[in-house]
Amino acid sequence: MSETAVPAPTNPTLEADITAALGPRSIVLVGMMGAGKSTIGRRMAARLRLPFTDADNEIETAAGMSIPDIFETHGEPYFRDGEARVIARILDGGPIVLATGGGAFLREETRNRIRARAISIWLKADSDIIMRRVRRRADRPLLQTPDPVATINRLLSERDPVYRYADLTIASRDVPHDRIVDECLEALYAHLGGAHPASEPPPDESNATS
């Protein structure tokens, strides 16, 4: 279920321009576990006055069990199939900010759907940041290994080349969350061409006079 938070925006012009330029498209955050997708996503959604959805929460609701239980009971391929279906359904629901699980973007079908219906932002985190954030959590099935650090490094080497297909990349690091949100919004604004509304193409400057 999506969440809606509506605080006073800190830069109403920039934020309203981004929302207008997005039109029916969503914003999708991709990247590794521990990159801050849910935390940053909630704050970004509040700033843009859009609903926020965490794909993992939606998957657990749809399955009626936790993600670790899905992995243990049915295996990762079953989970990935369900994940793809849930993300497709969410993106069909209109403009939102969506935080995806770390492996979601690896599936080509999901990447193509995100490309067609959203702007994607890769929150890029290095292994030290990730380990500091996730080492105390027991709800990460892929880290239930004898050497979680080696697992993180392996996942980074496998996934980073795919995450690079995201429309935008923002470094996730130990700075105030609002700073990361600001960087995401500024990058979105620039990516959207100064945030012209989606229904109105940017003006043709080829005929401009000097």
N, C-alpha and C. Protein backbone atom coordinates (compact mmCIF):
# COMPACT_ATOMS: atom_id res chain seq x y z
N MET A 1 0.84 -1.18 0.00
CA MET A 1 0.00 0.00 0.00
C MET A 1 0.88 1.24 0.00
N SER A 2 0.54 2.22 -0.81
CA SER A 2 1.36 3.42 -0.90
C SER A 2 1.12 4.31 0.31
N GLU A 3 2.11 5.16 0.59
CA GLU A 3 2.03 6.08 1.70
C GLU A 3 2.04 7.49 1.13
N THR A 4 1.34 8.41 1.77
CA THR A 4 1.32 9.79 1.31
C THR A 4 1.65 10.69 2.48
N ALA A 5 2.67 11.53 2.30
CA ALA A 5 3.04 12.51 3.31
C ALA A 5 3.11 13.86 2.64
N VAL A 6 2.59 14.89 3.31
CA VAL A 6 2.52 16.19 2.64
C VAL A 6 3.04 17.27 3.57
N PRO A 7 4.37 17.40 3.71
CA PRO A 7 4.94 18.50 4.47
C PRO A 7 5.04 19.74 3.60
N ALA A 8 5.39 20.85 4.21
CA ALA A 8 5.61 22.06 3.41
C ALA A 8 6.86 21.87 2.57
N PRO A 9 6.77 22.05 1.25
CA PRO A 9 7.95 21.88 0.41
C PRO A 9 8.99 22.95 0.68
N THR A 10 10.26 22.59 0.51
CA THR A 10 11.33 23.55 0.76
C THR A 10 11.67 24.37 -0.47
N ASN A 11 11.32 23.86 -1.65
CA ASN A 11 11.56 24.61 -2.88
C ASN A 11 10.36 24.35 -3.80
N PRO A 12 9.24 25.03 -3.52
CA PRO A 12 8.01 24.68 -4.21
C PRO A 12 8.08 24.81 -5.71
N THR A 13 8.87 25.77 -6.22
CA THR A 13 8.94 25.94 -7.67
C THR A 13 9.62 24.75 -8.31
N LEU A 14 10.81 24.37 -7.83
CA LEU A 14 11.53 23.24 -8.38
C LEU A 14 10.71 21.97 -8.27
N GLU A 15 10.12 21.75 -7.11
CA GLU A 15 9.39 20.51 -6.88
C GLU A 15 8.12 20.45 -7.71
N ALA A 16 7.40 21.56 -7.83
CA ALA A 16 6.20 21.57 -8.66
C ALA A 16 6.56 21.39 -10.13
N ASP A 17 7.67 21.97 -10.55
CA ASP A 17 8.11 21.81 -11.94
C ASP A 17 8.45 20.36 -12.24
N ILE A 18 9.12 19.70 -11.31
CA ILE A 18 9.46 18.28 -11.52
C ILE A 18 8.18 17.45 -11.64
N THR A 19 7.25 17.66 -10.73
CA THR A 19 6.01 16.88 -10.76
C THR A 19 5.25 17.11 -12.06
N ALA A 20 5.20 18.37 -12.51
CA ALA A 20 4.50 18.65 -13.77
C ALA A 20 5.20 17.97 -14.94
N ALA A 21 6.53 17.99 -14.94
CA ALA A 21 7.28 17.41 -16.05
C ALA A 21 7.20 15.89 -16.07
N LEU A 22 7.05 15.29 -14.90
CA LEU A 22 6.92 13.83 -14.85
C LEU A 22 5.64 13.37 -15.53
N GLY A 23 4.58 14.15 -15.41
CA GLY A 23 3.30 13.72 -15.96
C GLY A 23 2.87 12.42 -15.30
N PRO A 24 2.55 11.38 -16.08
CA PRO A 24 2.10 10.11 -15.50
C PRO A 24 3.24 9.20 -15.05
N ARG A 25 4.48 9.62 -15.29
CA ARG A 25 5.62 8.76 -14.95
C ARG A 25 5.90 8.77 -13.45
N SER A 26 6.51 7.69 -12.99
CA SER A 26 6.92 7.57 -11.60
C SER A 26 8.43 7.79 -11.47
N ILE A 27 8.89 7.81 -10.24
CA ILE A 27 10.32 7.84 -9.92
C ILE A 27 10.63 6.51 -9.23
N VAL A 28 11.62 5.79 -9.76
CA VAL A 28 11.96 4.48 -9.22
C VAL A 28 13.40 4.51 -8.71
N LEU A 29 13.59 4.16 -7.46
CA LEU A 29 14.92 4.09 -6.86
C LEU A 29 15.42 2.66 -6.93
N VAL A 30 16.64 2.51 -7.47
CA VAL A 30 17.25 1.19 -7.58
C VAL A 30 18.60 1.22 -6.89
N GLY A 31 19.15 0.03 -6.63
CA GLY A 31 20.45 -0.06 -5.98
C GLY A 31 20.47 -1.16 -4.94
N MET A 32 21.61 -1.32 -4.32
CA MET A 32 21.83 -2.40 -3.38
C MET A 32 21.04 -2.21 -2.09
N MET A 33 20.84 -3.32 -1.38
CA MET A 33 20.33 -3.25 -0.02
C MET A 33 21.21 -2.31 0.80
N GLY A 34 20.58 -1.53 1.64
CA GLY A 34 21.34 -0.61 2.48
C GLY A 34 21.71 0.69 1.81
N ALA A 35 21.31 0.88 0.55
CA ALA A 35 21.65 2.13 -0.15
C ALA A 35 20.77 3.29 0.30
N GLY A 36 19.69 3.01 1.00
CA GLY A 36 18.83 4.08 1.50
C GLY A 36 17.62 4.37 0.62
N LYS A 37 17.23 3.40 -0.21
CA LYS A 37 16.15 3.65 -1.16
C LYS A 37 14.83 4.00 -0.47
N SER A 38 14.49 3.28 0.58
CA SER A 38 13.22 3.55 1.27
C SER A 38 13.28 4.87 2.02
N THR A 39 14.37 5.11 2.72
CA THR A 39 14.50 6.36 3.49
C THR A 39 14.48 7.57 2.56
N ILE A 40 15.28 7.53 1.52
CA ILE A 40 15.34 8.66 0.58
C ILE A 40 14.03 8.75 -0.20
N GLY A 41 13.47 7.60 -0.56
CA GLY A 41 12.23 7.61 -1.32
C GLY A 41 11.09 8.26 -0.56
N ARG A 42 10.95 7.95 0.72
CA ARG A 42 9.88 8.56 1.51
C ARG A 42 10.04 10.08 1.56
N ARG A 43 11.25 10.54 1.77
CA ARG A 43 11.47 11.98 1.86
C ARG A 43 11.26 12.67 0.51
N MET A 44 11.69 12.02 -0.55
CA MET A 44 11.50 12.58 -1.87
C MET A 44 10.01 12.65 -2.21
N ALA A 45 9.28 11.60 -1.88
CA ALA A 45 7.84 11.59 -2.15
C ALA A 45 7.14 12.71 -1.39
N ALA A 46 7.55 12.91 -0.15
CA ALA A 46 6.94 13.98 0.64
C ALA A 46 7.21 15.35 0.01
N ARG A 47 8.44 15.54 -0.44
CA ARG A 47 8.79 16.82 -1.07
C ARG A 47 7.99 17.05 -2.36
N LEU A 48 7.78 15.98 -3.12
CA LEU A 48 7.08 16.09 -4.40
C LEU A 48 5.57 15.93 -4.26
N ARG A 49 5.11 15.65 -3.04
CA ARG A 49 3.68 15.44 -2.79
C ARG A 49 3.14 14.28 -3.64
N LEU A 50 3.93 13.22 -3.72
CA LEU A 50 3.54 12.00 -4.41
C LEU A 50 3.44 10.85 -3.41
N PRO A 51 2.64 9.83 -3.69
CA PRO A 51 2.63 8.66 -2.82
C PRO A 51 3.99 7.94 -2.88
N PHE A 52 4.33 7.29 -1.80
CA PHE A 52 5.54 6.47 -1.74
C PHE A 52 5.15 5.01 -1.56
N THR A 53 5.84 4.12 -2.29
CA THR A 53 5.60 2.68 -2.13
C THR A 53 6.94 1.96 -2.04
N ASP A 54 7.04 1.04 -1.10
CA ASP A 54 8.20 0.15 -0.98
C ASP A 54 7.81 -1.18 -1.60
N ALA A 55 8.48 -1.57 -2.68
CA ALA A 55 8.11 -2.78 -3.40
C ALA A 55 8.20 -4.02 -2.50
N ASP A 56 9.20 -4.08 -1.63
CA ASP A 56 9.34 -5.25 -0.76
C ASP A 56 8.13 -5.40 0.16
N ASN A 57 7.64 -4.27 0.69
CA ASN A 57 6.45 -4.35 1.54
C ASN A 57 5.24 -4.86 0.75
N GLU A 58 5.12 -4.40 -0.49
CA GLU A 58 4.00 -4.84 -1.33
C GLU A 58 4.10 -6.33 -1.65
N ILE A 59 5.33 -6.81 -1.86
CA ILE A 59 5.53 -8.23 -2.13
C ILE A 59 5.12 -9.06 -0.93
N GLU A 60 5.52 -8.63 0.27
CA GLU A 60 5.16 -9.37 1.48
C GLU A 60 3.64 -9.38 1.67
N THR A 61 2.98 -8.26 1.39
CA THR A 61 1.53 -8.20 1.52
C THR A 61 0.86 -9.15 0.53
N ALA A 62 1.34 -9.13 -0.71
CA ALA A 62 0.75 -9.99 -1.74
C ALA A 62 0.95 -11.47 -1.43
N ALA A 63 2.13 -11.80 -0.87
CA ALA A 63 2.44 -13.21 -0.60
C ALA A 63 1.90 -13.68 0.74
N GLY A 64 1.60 -12.74 1.62
CA GLY A 64 1.15 -13.12 2.95
C GLY A 64 2.25 -13.70 3.81
N MET A 65 3.50 -13.38 3.50
CA MET A 65 4.62 -13.84 4.31
C MET A 65 5.80 -12.91 4.10
N SER A 66 6.78 -13.00 4.99
CA SER A 66 7.95 -12.13 4.89
C SER A 66 8.85 -12.58 3.74
N ILE A 67 9.71 -11.66 3.31
CA ILE A 67 10.63 -12.00 2.22
C ILE A 67 11.57 -13.14 2.62
N PRO A 68 12.15 -13.14 3.85
CA PRO A 68 12.96 -14.31 4.22
C PRO A 68 12.18 -15.61 4.15
N ASP A 69 10.90 -15.58 4.53
CA ASP A 69 10.09 -16.79 4.47
C ASP A 69 9.81 -17.20 3.02
N ILE A 70 9.62 -16.21 2.15
CA ILE A 70 9.42 -16.53 0.72
C ILE A 70 10.66 -17.23 0.17
N PHE A 71 11.83 -16.68 0.48
CA PHE A 71 13.08 -17.29 0.01
C PHE A 71 13.21 -18.72 0.54
N GLU A 72 12.93 -18.88 1.84
CA GLU A 72 13.13 -20.19 2.46
C GLU A 72 12.12 -21.21 1.95
N THR A 73 10.89 -20.78 1.75
CA THR A 73 9.82 -21.71 1.38
C THR A 73 9.80 -22.00 -0.11
N HIS A 74 9.99 -20.96 -0.92
CA HIS A 74 9.79 -21.11 -2.37
C HIS A 74 11.05 -20.91 -3.20
N GLY A 75 12.08 -20.25 -2.64
CA GLY A 75 13.31 -20.02 -3.38
C GLY A 75 13.34 -18.67 -4.07
N GLU A 76 14.54 -18.28 -4.48
CA GLU A 76 14.70 -16.95 -5.09
C GLU A 76 13.98 -16.79 -6.42
N PRO A 77 14.01 -17.78 -7.35
CA PRO A 77 13.30 -17.58 -8.62
C PRO A 77 11.81 -17.27 -8.44
N TYR A 78 11.17 -17.96 -7.50
CA TYR A 78 9.75 -17.69 -7.20
C TYR A 78 9.58 -16.26 -6.72
N PHE A 79 10.49 -15.82 -5.83
CA PHE A 79 10.42 -14.45 -5.32
C PHE A 79 10.59 -13.44 -6.44
N ARG A 80 11.55 -13.68 -7.35
CA ARG A 80 11.81 -12.72 -8.42
C ARG A 80 10.62 -12.62 -9.38
N ASP A 81 9.96 -13.73 -9.63
CA ASP A 81 8.77 -13.69 -10.49
C ASP A 81 7.68 -12.84 -9.85
N GLY A 82 7.46 -13.05 -8.56
CA GLY A 82 6.45 -12.25 -7.85
C GLY A 82 6.83 -10.79 -7.79
N GLU A 83 8.12 -10.53 -7.59
CA GLU A 83 8.61 -9.16 -7.54
C GLU A 83 8.32 -8.43 -8.85
N ALA A 84 8.57 -9.09 -9.97
CA ALA A 84 8.33 -8.47 -11.28
C ALA A 84 6.85 -8.15 -11.46
N ARG A 85 5.98 -9.07 -11.04
CA ARG A 85 4.54 -8.82 -11.18
C ARG A 85 4.09 -7.66 -10.31
N VAL A 86 4.59 -7.60 -9.09
CA VAL A 86 4.19 -6.53 -8.17
C VAL A 86 4.66 -5.18 -8.70
N ILE A 87 5.90 -5.09 -9.17
CA ILE A 87 6.41 -3.82 -9.68
C ILE A 87 5.62 -3.38 -10.91
N ALA A 88 5.28 -4.32 -11.78
CA ALA A 88 4.47 -3.98 -12.96
C ALA A 88 3.13 -3.40 -12.52
N ARG A 89 2.50 -4.02 -11.54
CA ARG A 89 1.21 -3.52 -11.06
C ARG A 89 1.34 -2.14 -10.46
N ILE A 90 2.39 -1.92 -9.67
CA ILE A 90 2.57 -0.63 -9.02
C ILE A 90 2.77 0.47 -10.06
N LEU A 91 3.60 0.20 -11.06
CA LEU A 91 3.89 1.22 -12.07
C LEU A 91 2.67 1.53 -12.93
N ASP A 92 1.77 0.58 -13.04
CA ASP A 92 0.53 0.83 -13.79
C ASP A 92 -0.42 1.75 -13.03
N GLY A 93 -0.12 2.00 -11.76
CA GLY A 93 -1.03 2.76 -10.92
C GLY A 93 -0.85 4.25 -10.93
N GLY A 94 0.06 4.76 -11.73
CA GLY A 94 0.20 6.20 -11.81
C GLY A 94 1.44 6.73 -11.13
N PRO A 95 1.65 8.03 -11.13
CA PRO A 95 2.90 8.60 -10.62
C PRO A 95 3.07 8.41 -9.12
N ILE A 96 4.17 7.76 -8.76
CA ILE A 96 4.54 7.54 -7.37
C ILE A 96 6.06 7.60 -7.28
N VAL A 97 6.57 7.54 -6.06
CA VAL A 97 7.99 7.26 -5.82
C VAL A 97 8.06 5.82 -5.31
N LEU A 98 8.84 5.00 -6.01
CA LEU A 98 8.90 3.56 -5.71
C LEU A 98 10.32 3.16 -5.35
N ALA A 99 10.49 2.53 -4.18
CA ALA A 99 11.76 1.94 -3.79
C ALA A 99 11.71 0.46 -4.13
N THR A 100 12.68 -0.02 -4.90
CA THR A 100 12.70 -1.43 -5.32
C THR A 100 13.74 -2.21 -4.53
N GLY A 101 13.58 -3.53 -4.51
CA GLY A 101 14.58 -4.40 -3.90
C GLY A 101 15.85 -4.41 -4.72
N GLY A 102 16.93 -4.84 -4.09
CA GLY A 102 18.24 -4.77 -4.73
C GLY A 102 18.37 -5.55 -6.02
N GLY A 103 17.61 -6.64 -6.17
CA GLY A 103 17.75 -7.45 -7.37
C GLY A 103 16.71 -7.16 -8.44
N ALA A 104 15.75 -6.29 -8.16
CA ALA A 104 14.64 -6.08 -9.09
C ALA A 104 15.09 -5.58 -10.45
N PHE A 105 16.04 -4.66 -10.45
CA PHE A 105 16.47 -4.00 -11.69
C PHE A 105 17.28 -4.94 -12.58
N LEU A 106 17.69 -6.07 -12.04
CA LEU A 106 18.49 -7.01 -12.83
C LEU A 106 17.67 -7.71 -13.90
N ARG A 107 16.38 -7.81 -13.69
CA ARG A 107 15.51 -8.48 -14.67
C ARG A 107 15.21 -7.53 -15.82
N GLU A 108 15.52 -7.97 -17.03
CA GLU A 108 15.36 -7.10 -18.20
C GLU A 108 13.92 -6.64 -18.38
N GLU A 109 12.99 -7.53 -18.15
CA GLU A 109 11.57 -7.18 -18.28
C GLU A 109 11.22 -6.01 -17.36
N THR A 110 11.72 -6.05 -16.13
CA THR A 110 11.44 -4.98 -15.17
C THR A 110 12.15 -3.70 -15.57
N ARG A 111 13.40 -3.80 -16.02
CA ARG A 111 14.11 -2.59 -16.47
C ARG A 111 13.35 -1.92 -17.61
N ASN A 112 12.88 -2.71 -18.55
CA ASN A 112 12.16 -2.13 -19.69
C ASN A 112 10.87 -1.45 -19.24
N ARG A 113 10.18 -2.06 -18.29
CA ARG A 113 8.95 -1.46 -17.80
C ARG A 113 9.25 -0.16 -17.06
N ILE A 114 10.31 -0.16 -16.26
CA ILE A 114 10.70 1.06 -15.56
C ILE A 114 11.08 2.15 -16.56
N ARG A 115 11.83 1.77 -17.59
CA ARG A 115 12.24 2.74 -18.60
C ARG A 115 11.03 3.37 -19.29
N ALA A 116 10.00 2.57 -19.52
CA ALA A 116 8.82 3.05 -20.23
C ALA A 116 7.91 3.91 -19.35
N ARG A 117 7.91 3.66 -18.05
CA ARG A 117 6.90 4.28 -17.19
C ARG A 117 7.47 5.15 -16.08
N ALA A 118 8.80 5.30 -16.04
CA ALA A 118 9.38 6.00 -14.89
C ALA A 118 10.74 6.59 -15.24
N ILE A 119 11.24 7.40 -14.32
CA ILE A 119 12.63 7.85 -14.31
C ILE A 119 13.31 7.08 -13.19
N SER A 120 14.42 6.42 -13.50
CA SER A 120 15.11 5.60 -12.50
C SER A 120 16.32 6.32 -11.94
N ILE A 121 16.52 6.17 -10.64
CA ILE A 121 17.67 6.75 -9.94
C ILE A 121 18.40 5.63 -9.22
N TRP A 122 19.69 5.48 -9.54
CA TRP A 122 20.53 4.51 -8.84
C TRP A 122 21.17 5.19 -7.64
N LEU A 123 20.84 4.74 -6.44
CA LEU A 123 21.54 5.18 -5.24
C LEU A 123 22.74 4.26 -5.07
N LYS A 124 23.90 4.80 -5.40
CA LYS A 124 25.12 3.99 -5.46
C LYS A 124 25.85 4.06 -4.13
N ALA A 125 26.02 2.89 -3.50
CA ALA A 125 26.70 2.81 -2.21
C ALA A 125 27.85 1.82 -2.30
N ASP A 126 28.95 2.14 -1.61
CA ASP A 126 30.07 1.19 -1.62
C ASP A 126 29.87 0.13 -0.53
N SER A 127 30.74 -0.86 -0.53
CA SER A 127 30.55 -2.02 0.35
C SER A 127 30.63 -1.64 1.82
N ASP A 128 31.51 -0.70 2.19
CA ASP A 128 31.62 -0.31 3.59
C ASP A 128 30.33 0.31 4.10
N ILE A 129 29.74 1.20 3.31
CA ILE A 129 28.48 1.83 3.68
C ILE A 129 27.40 0.77 3.84
N ILE A 130 27.31 -0.13 2.87
CA ILE A 130 26.27 -1.16 2.91
C ILE A 130 26.41 -2.03 4.15
N MET A 131 27.62 -2.48 4.44
CA MET A 131 27.81 -3.37 5.59
C MET A 131 27.48 -2.67 6.90
N ARG A 132 27.85 -1.41 7.04
CA ARG A 132 27.52 -0.69 8.27
C ARG A 132 26.02 -0.61 8.47
N ARG A 133 25.27 -0.51 7.38
CA ARG A 133 23.83 -0.31 7.49
C ARG A 133 23.05 -1.61 7.65
N VAL A 134 23.57 -2.71 7.15
CA VAL A 134 22.76 -3.94 7.13
C VAL A 134 23.27 -5.03 8.07
N ARG A 135 24.45 -4.86 8.67
CA ARG A 135 25.04 -5.97 9.41
C ARG A 135 24.20 -6.40 10.61
N ARG A 136 23.40 -5.50 11.16
CA ARG A 136 22.61 -5.87 12.34
C ARG A 136 21.22 -6.39 11.99
N ARG A 137 20.93 -6.47 10.70
CA ARG A 137 19.58 -6.88 10.31
C ARG A 137 19.57 -8.35 9.89
N ALA A 138 18.53 -9.05 10.33
CA ALA A 138 18.44 -10.48 10.02
C ALA A 138 17.47 -10.77 8.88
N ASP A 139 16.96 -9.70 8.22
CA ASP A 139 15.94 -9.90 7.19
C ASP A 139 16.51 -9.78 5.78
N ARG A 140 17.79 -10.09 5.62
CA ARG A 140 18.43 -10.03 4.32
C ARG A 140 18.83 -11.44 3.90
N PRO A 141 17.98 -12.15 3.18
CA PRO A 141 18.26 -13.55 2.86
C PRO A 141 19.58 -13.76 2.13
N LEU A 142 19.95 -12.85 1.26
CA LEU A 142 21.17 -13.04 0.48
C LEU A 142 22.43 -12.88 1.32
N LEU A 143 22.29 -12.35 2.55
CA LEU A 143 23.46 -12.17 3.41
C LEU A 143 23.59 -13.26 4.47
N GLN A 144 22.73 -14.26 4.41
CA GLN A 144 22.83 -15.37 5.36
C GLN A 144 23.89 -16.35 4.88
N THR A 145 25.14 -15.88 4.87
CA THR A 145 26.28 -16.65 4.38
C THR A 145 27.40 -16.58 5.41
N PRO A 146 28.41 -17.47 5.31
CA PRO A 146 29.52 -17.43 6.25
C PRO A 146 30.34 -16.15 6.15
N ASP A 147 30.34 -15.50 4.98
CA ASP A 147 31.16 -14.30 4.78
C ASP A 147 30.33 -13.22 4.10
N PRO A 148 29.53 -12.47 4.88
CA PRO A 148 28.66 -11.45 4.28
C PRO A 148 29.42 -10.38 3.49
N VAL A 149 30.62 -10.03 3.93
CA VAL A 149 31.39 -9.01 3.21
C VAL A 149 31.73 -9.49 1.81
N ALA A 150 32.18 -10.74 1.71
CA ALA A 150 32.48 -11.30 0.39
C ALA A 150 31.22 -11.36 -0.47
N THR A 151 30.09 -11.65 0.17
CA THR A 151 28.83 -11.70 -0.57
C THR A 151 28.46 -10.34 -1.10
N ILE A 152 28.61 -9.31 -0.26
CA ILE A 152 28.32 -7.94 -0.71
C ILE A 152 29.21 -7.57 -1.89
N ASN A 153 30.49 -7.86 -1.79
CA ASN A 153 31.41 -7.51 -2.87
C ASN A 153 31.06 -8.26 -4.16
N ARG A 154 30.66 -9.52 -4.02
CA ARG A 154 30.26 -10.27 -5.21
C ARG A 154 29.00 -9.67 -5.84
N LEU A 155 28.02 -9.33 -5.00
CA LEU A 155 26.79 -8.74 -5.52
C LEU A 155 27.06 -7.40 -6.19
N LEU A 156 27.94 -6.61 -5.61
CA LEU A 156 28.29 -5.33 -6.22
C LEU A 156 28.91 -5.53 -7.60
N SER A 157 29.83 -6.49 -7.71
CA SER A 157 30.48 -6.72 -9.00
C SER A 157 29.49 -7.22 -10.04
N GLU A 158 28.48 -7.98 -9.60
CA GLU A 158 27.47 -8.49 -10.53
C GLU A 158 26.43 -7.44 -10.90
N ARG A 159 26.07 -6.61 -9.93
CA ARG A 159 24.91 -5.74 -10.13
C ARG A 159 25.26 -4.34 -10.61
N ASP A 160 26.41 -3.81 -10.19
CA ASP A 160 26.73 -2.43 -10.57
C ASP A 160 26.68 -2.20 -12.08
N PRO A 161 27.19 -3.12 -12.93
CA PRO A 161 27.10 -2.88 -14.36
C PRO A 161 25.67 -2.77 -14.87
N VAL A 162 24.72 -3.40 -14.17
CA VAL A 162 23.31 -3.30 -14.57
C VAL A 162 22.67 -2.04 -14.00
N TYR A 163 23.01 -1.71 -12.76
CA TYR A 163 22.48 -0.47 -12.18
C TYR A 163 22.86 0.75 -13.02
N ARG A 164 23.96 0.66 -13.75
CA ARG A 164 24.40 1.79 -14.57
C ARG A 164 23.39 2.14 -15.67
N TYR A 165 22.47 1.23 -15.95
CA TYR A 165 21.44 1.53 -16.94
C TYR A 165 20.39 2.50 -16.41
N ALA A 166 20.42 2.80 -15.12
CA ALA A 166 19.46 3.76 -14.56
C ALA A 166 19.66 5.12 -15.20
N ASP A 167 18.60 5.91 -15.22
CA ASP A 167 18.67 7.22 -15.85
C ASP A 167 19.62 8.17 -15.12
N LEU A 168 19.65 8.06 -13.80
CA LEU A 168 20.46 8.97 -12.98
C LEU A 168 21.21 8.18 -11.92
N THR A 169 22.35 8.69 -11.49
CA THR A 169 23.13 8.06 -10.43
C THR A 169 23.44 9.08 -9.35
N ILE A 170 23.14 8.75 -8.12
CA ILE A 170 23.41 9.60 -6.97
C ILE A 170 24.19 8.78 -5.95
N ALA A 171 25.28 9.34 -5.43
CA ALA A 171 26.10 8.62 -4.45
C ALA A 171 25.40 8.60 -3.11
N SER A 172 25.17 7.40 -2.58
CA SER A 172 24.62 7.24 -1.24
C SER A 172 25.78 7.16 -0.27
N ARG A 173 25.82 8.06 0.68
CA ARG A 173 26.94 8.13 1.60
C ARG A 173 26.46 8.69 2.93
N ASP A 174 27.36 8.77 3.90
CA ASP A 174 26.96 9.18 5.24
C ASP A 174 26.91 10.70 5.34
N VAL A 175 25.88 11.27 4.78
CA VAL A 175 25.59 12.70 4.91
C VAL A 175 24.11 12.80 5.28
N PRO A 176 23.63 13.97 5.71
CA PRO A 176 22.21 14.08 6.05
C PRO A 176 21.32 13.63 4.90
N HIS A 177 20.24 12.93 5.24
CA HIS A 177 19.35 12.41 4.21
C HIS A 177 18.83 13.49 3.28
N ASP A 178 18.52 14.65 3.85
CA ASP A 178 17.96 15.71 3.02
C ASP A 178 18.95 16.19 1.97
N ARG A 179 20.22 16.04 2.22
CA ARG A 179 21.21 16.40 1.20
C ARG A 179 21.11 15.46 0.01
N ILE A 180 20.96 14.17 0.28
CA ILE A 180 20.79 13.21 -0.82
C ILE A 180 19.49 13.50 -1.58
N VAL A 181 18.43 13.81 -0.85
CA VAL A 181 17.16 14.14 -1.50
C VAL A 181 17.33 15.36 -2.39
N ASP A 182 18.01 16.38 -1.88
CA ASP A 182 18.25 17.58 -2.69
C ASP A 182 19.00 17.22 -3.98
N GLU A 183 20.00 16.36 -3.87
CA GLU A 183 20.78 15.98 -5.05
C GLU A 183 19.91 15.20 -6.04
N CYS A 184 19.04 14.36 -5.52
CA CYS A 184 18.13 13.61 -6.40
C CYS A 184 17.21 14.57 -7.15
N LEU A 185 16.64 15.52 -6.44
CA LEU A 185 15.70 16.45 -7.06
C LEU A 185 16.40 17.35 -8.07
N GLU A 186 17.60 17.80 -7.75
CA GLU A 186 18.34 18.63 -8.70
C GLU A 186 18.68 17.84 -9.96
N ALA A 187 19.07 16.57 -9.78
CA ALA A 187 19.40 15.74 -10.94
C ALA A 187 18.14 15.46 -11.77
N LEU A 188 17.02 15.23 -11.10
CA LEU A 188 15.76 15.04 -11.82
C LEU A 188 15.40 16.27 -12.63
N TYR A 189 15.51 17.42 -12.01
CA TYR A 189 15.17 18.68 -12.69
C TYR A 189 16.02 18.85 -13.95
N ALA A 190 17.31 18.60 -13.82
CA ALA A 190 18.20 18.72 -14.98
C ALA A 190 17.87 17.67 -16.04
N HIS A 191 17.60 16.46 -15.60
CA HIS A 191 17.30 15.37 -16.54
C HIS A 191 16.03 15.66 -17.33
N LEU A 192 15.09 16.30 -16.68
CA LEU A 192 13.81 16.61 -17.32
C LEU A 192 13.88 17.87 -18.17
N GLY A 193 15.10 18.33 -18.44
CA GLY A 193 15.28 19.47 -19.33
C GLY A 193 14.80 20.78 -18.75
N GLY A 194 15.08 20.97 -17.46
CA GLY A 194 14.58 22.19 -16.84
C GLY A 194 13.13 22.04 -16.43
N ALA A 195 12.66 20.78 -16.47
CA ALA A 195 11.33 20.44 -15.97
C ALA A 195 10.21 21.06 -16.77
N HIS A 196 10.30 20.97 -18.10
CA HIS A 196 9.15 21.33 -18.92
C HIS A 196 8.07 20.28 -18.71
N PRO A 197 6.80 20.67 -18.69
CA PRO A 197 5.73 19.68 -18.51
C PRO A 197 5.80 18.58 -19.55
N ALA A 198 5.47 17.36 -19.11
CA ALA A 198 5.60 16.21 -19.99
C ALA A 198 4.74 16.35 -21.24
N SER A 199 3.61 17.06 -21.13
CA SER A 199 2.71 17.20 -22.27
C SER A 199 3.16 18.30 -23.24
N GLU A 200 4.16 19.08 -22.82
CA GLU A 200 4.64 20.16 -23.67
C GLU A 200 6.14 19.99 -23.90
N PRO A 201 6.57 19.73 -25.13
CA PRO A 201 7.99 19.55 -25.39
C PRO A 201 8.75 20.83 -25.17
N PRO A 202 10.06 20.74 -24.82
CA PRO A 202 10.87 21.93 -24.65
C PRO A 202 10.85 22.78 -25.90
N PRO A 203 10.96 24.10 -25.76
CA PRO A 203 10.95 24.96 -26.94
C PRO A 203 12.10 24.65 -27.86
N ASP A 204 11.88 24.79 -29.15
CA ASP A 204 12.91 24.56 -30.15
C ASP A 204 13.80 25.78 -30.22
N GLU A 205 15.04 25.60 -29.78
CA GLU A 205 15.97 26.73 -29.75
C GLU A 205 16.75 26.87 -31.04
N SER A 206 16.50 25.95 -32.00
CA SER A 206 17.28 26.00 -33.23
C SER A 206 16.98 27.25 -34.04
N ASN A 207 15.78 27.88 -33.82
CA ASN A 207 15.42 29.05 -34.57
C ASN A 207 15.64 30.32 -33.77
N ALA A 208 16.24 30.16 -32.57
CA ALA A 208 16.45 31.35 -31.72
C ALA A 208 17.50 32.24 -32.34
N THR A 209 17.30 33.51 -32.15
CA THR A 209 18.26 34.50 -32.66
C THR A 209 19.20 34.89 -31.55
N SER A 210 20.42 35.21 -31.91
CA SER A 210 21.40 35.58 -30.90
C SER A 210 21.29 37.05 -30.57
